[in-house]
Every structure is written in structure tokens, then in C-alpha cells.
Amino acid sequence: MTEREPFRVQIKVRQYELDSLGHVNHAVYHQYAEVARTSLTEAAGTNNGGLDKLRLATVMLGSQISFRSELRYGDVVDVTCEVSFGEGKTFRMDSNIYKADGTLSAELTCTLGLMDLDRRKLVAEPRARLAEAGVDLDILGG
């Protein structure tokens, strides 16, 4: 059995994303992961109206980053995104940021939940609820 290749997007580092040391500002790494997360969820159909009909929305509950290698102006990076569901009300989206030569630049782990917009509470079994909303779990990868 072969492992599934993670979803990925490519981003070029822009001048305005640099800090005073000449490398990418720490907050921008989170923005890069957000680009990958939103691209993946859009591809899986989270914008198809199903979540709106069920009055559900994904919410970010936490984010953790480990920096491995600096990024500089002009670098082109691949940002991956992989979803994993477990037990309970939360799920994870893990992203890695790679330089063009394959060097790992950063690892990010985000904890998310699916919120009932009327009750303002997390719902149980987010994977099942996403499927109910018409989200393509094969694309999502979870």
C-alpha cells in the first residue's frame, strides 16, 4: 500500500513578508499554512453551501509551529496540508513548508473544530458532520 501524497500549494516569498533580519516574519509562516488549509478545504467543497445549511463552520482552536530553516525573499516554497480525525470534537491539520530544494523550513500543527453557529458550541464527530454537509472526504484526506 502506498502512502497518499499530501495536498500542496506553491508560494513565492515576497519582499514585504520579511522582518528586520531579512527573513520571513514568523507570523507569515502561519499565513502560508492558512493558504494551504483554505485551498484544501475549498477543493473538498466546504464552500458548496452544505455547512451554511447545517449552520456549521470550522474554527481554529490552536496552532503550534516549529521553525527549521529560514526563508528569504524570492524563495519558492511548497506548503503541504494533511487532515487527521480522531475521537472527540476536534481534528488536526498539519502543514509542512519546504524550500524548492526539499529543505524543511517549518512544521505547523493546527487544532480545529466544527462549531454549531446557533449554539456557539463544538459539535461531536466533525468528520461525519463534514460528510453530511457534502464535503469530499477523499479530497480532504481525513
Protein backbone atom coordinates (compact mmCIF):
# COMPACT_ATOMS: atom_id res chain seq x y z
CA MET A 1 0.00 0.00 0.00
CA THR A 2 1.37 3.42 -0.91
CA GLU A 3 1.03 6.49 1.23
CA ARG A 4 -1.12 9.29 -0.08
CA GLU A 5 0.74 12.39 -1.24
CA PRO A 6 -0.33 15.41 0.86
CA PHE A 7 -2.20 18.33 -0.66
CA ARG A 8 0.20 21.15 -1.53
CA VAL A 9 0.31 24.71 -2.80
CA GLN A 10 3.26 26.75 -4.02
CA ILE A 11 4.01 30.25 -2.74
CA LYS A 12 6.77 32.73 -3.59
CA VAL A 13 8.20 34.78 -0.71
CA ARG A 14 7.51 38.49 -1.19
CA GLN A 15 9.64 41.41 -0.02
CA TYR A 16 7.03 42.81 2.36
CA GLU A 17 6.89 39.49 4.26
CA LEU A 18 10.43 39.94 5.61
CA ASP A 19 11.40 41.13 9.07
CA SER A 20 14.36 43.31 10.08
CA LEU A 21 16.73 40.31 9.84
CA GLY A 22 15.88 39.80 6.17
CA HIS A 23 13.99 36.55 6.56
CA VAL A 24 10.29 35.76 6.59
CA ASN A 25 8.47 37.12 9.63
CA HIS A 26 7.25 34.42 12.00
CA ALA A 27 3.55 35.29 11.52
CA VAL A 28 3.82 34.84 7.75
CA TYR A 29 4.51 31.11 8.18
CA HIS A 30 1.04 30.84 9.71
CA GLN A 31 -0.39 32.74 6.73
CA TYR A 32 1.27 30.29 4.34
CA ALA A 33 -0.30 27.37 6.21
CA GLU A 34 -3.66 29.15 6.09
CA VAL A 35 -3.37 29.44 2.29
CA ALA A 36 -2.84 25.66 2.12
CA ARG A 37 -5.68 24.94 4.57
CA THR A 38 -8.21 27.13 2.77
CA SER A 39 -7.15 25.82 -0.65
CA LEU A 40 -7.59 22.23 0.54
CA THR A 41 -10.97 22.84 2.16
CA GLU A 42 -12.23 24.73 -0.90
CA ALA A 43 -11.13 21.85 -3.15
CA ALA A 44 -13.01 19.46 -0.86
CA GLY A 45 -16.20 21.51 -1.19
CA THR A 46 -16.56 23.34 2.10
CA ASN A 47 -17.84 26.36 0.14
CA ASN A 48 -20.63 24.38 -1.56
CA GLY A 49 -23.24 25.70 0.88
CA GLY A 50 -23.65 22.48 2.86
CA LEU A 51 -22.02 23.83 6.00
CA ASP A 52 -24.12 27.00 5.79
CA LYS A 53 -27.33 24.95 5.52
CA LEU A 54 -26.35 22.98 8.62
CA ARG A 55 -25.29 26.21 10.38
CA LEU A 56 -21.77 24.89 10.92
CA ALA A 57 -18.34 26.45 10.45
CA THR A 58 -14.77 25.35 11.08
CA VAL A 59 -12.96 27.17 13.87
CA MET A 60 -9.27 27.34 14.74
CA LEU A 61 -8.65 26.27 18.33
CA GLY A 62 -4.87 26.28 18.44
CA SER A 63 -1.73 26.46 16.36
CA GLN A 64 1.83 25.30 17.02
CA ILE A 65 4.87 25.94 14.84
CA SER A 66 8.44 24.68 14.80
CA PHE A 67 10.90 26.66 12.68
CA ARG A 68 13.59 24.60 10.93
CA SER A 69 15.25 26.73 8.24
CA GLU A 70 14.84 30.39 7.37
CA LEU A 71 13.04 31.60 4.27
CA ARG A 72 14.26 34.63 2.35
CA TYR A 73 12.98 36.94 -0.37
CA GLY A 74 12.39 35.13 -3.66
CA ASP A 75 12.32 31.63 -2.21
CA VAL A 76 9.60 29.45 -3.69
CA VAL A 77 8.05 27.10 -1.16
CA ASP A 78 5.67 24.16 -1.20
CA VAL A 79 3.18 24.19 1.66
CA THR A 80 1.51 20.87 2.43
CA CYS A 81 -1.69 20.24 4.32
CA GLU A 82 -2.91 16.94 5.77
CA VAL A 83 -6.07 16.35 7.81
CA SER A 84 -6.45 13.78 10.56
CA PHE A 85 -9.57 12.98 12.52
CA GLY A 86 -9.62 11.16 15.80
CA GLU A 87 -12.12 10.77 18.59
CA GLY A 88 -13.95 13.72 20.06
CA LYS A 89 -14.85 17.15 18.79
CA THR A 90 -11.54 18.27 17.30
CA PHE A 91 -9.36 17.40 14.32
CA ARG A 92 -5.89 18.35 13.11
CA MET A 93 -4.43 19.94 10.04
CA ASP A 94 -0.68 19.55 9.74
CA SER A 95 1.36 21.63 7.32
CA ASN A 96 4.99 21.49 6.32
CA ILE A 97 6.75 24.26 4.45
CA TYR A 98 9.52 23.10 2.11
CA LYS A 99 12.06 25.10 0.15
CA ALA A 100 12.49 24.27 -3.54
CA ASP A 101 15.49 22.05 -2.72
CA GLY A 102 13.35 19.97 -0.34
CA THR A 103 14.68 21.51 2.89
CA LEU A 104 12.04 21.58 5.61
CA SER A 105 11.55 25.17 6.70
CA ALA A 106 8.71 24.84 9.21
CA GLU A 107 6.20 22.40 10.67
CA LEU A 108 2.77 23.59 11.78
CA THR A 109 0.01 21.75 13.61
CA CYS A 110 -3.42 23.30 13.94
CA THR A 111 -6.28 22.02 16.05
CA LEU A 112 -9.71 22.75 14.63
CA GLY A 113 -13.31 22.06 15.46
CA LEU A 114 -16.67 22.33 13.79
CA MET A 115 -18.90 24.88 15.50
CA ASP A 116 -22.68 24.95 15.65
CA LEU A 117 -23.26 28.62 14.78
CA ASP A 118 -26.53 28.86 16.71
CA ARG A 119 -25.37 27.21 19.93
CA ARG A 120 -21.77 28.54 19.61
CA LYS A 121 -20.51 25.11 20.67
CA LEU A 122 -18.36 22.48 19.01
CA VAL A 123 -20.22 19.54 17.52
CA ALA A 124 -19.33 15.88 18.05
CA GLU A 125 -17.98 13.78 15.20
CA PRO A 126 -16.76 16.57 12.91
CA ARG A 127 -15.75 14.09 10.18
CA ALA A 128 -19.31 12.73 9.94
CA ARG A 129 -20.79 16.22 10.02
CA LEU A 130 -18.49 17.38 7.21
CA ALA A 131 -19.60 14.38 5.15
CA GLU A 132 -23.24 15.24 5.90
CA ALA A 133 -22.53 18.75 4.55
CA GLY A 134 -21.29 17.28 1.28
CA VAL A 135 -17.58 17.80 1.87
CA ASP A 136 -15.49 15.34 -0.18
CA LEU A 137 -13.56 13.44 2.48
CA ASP A 138 -11.42 11.74 -0.17
CA ILE A 139 -10.02 15.14 -1.18
CA LEU A 140 -9.86 16.28 2.43
CA GLY A 141 -7.85 13.17 3.15
CA GLY A 142 -9.20 12.53 6.62
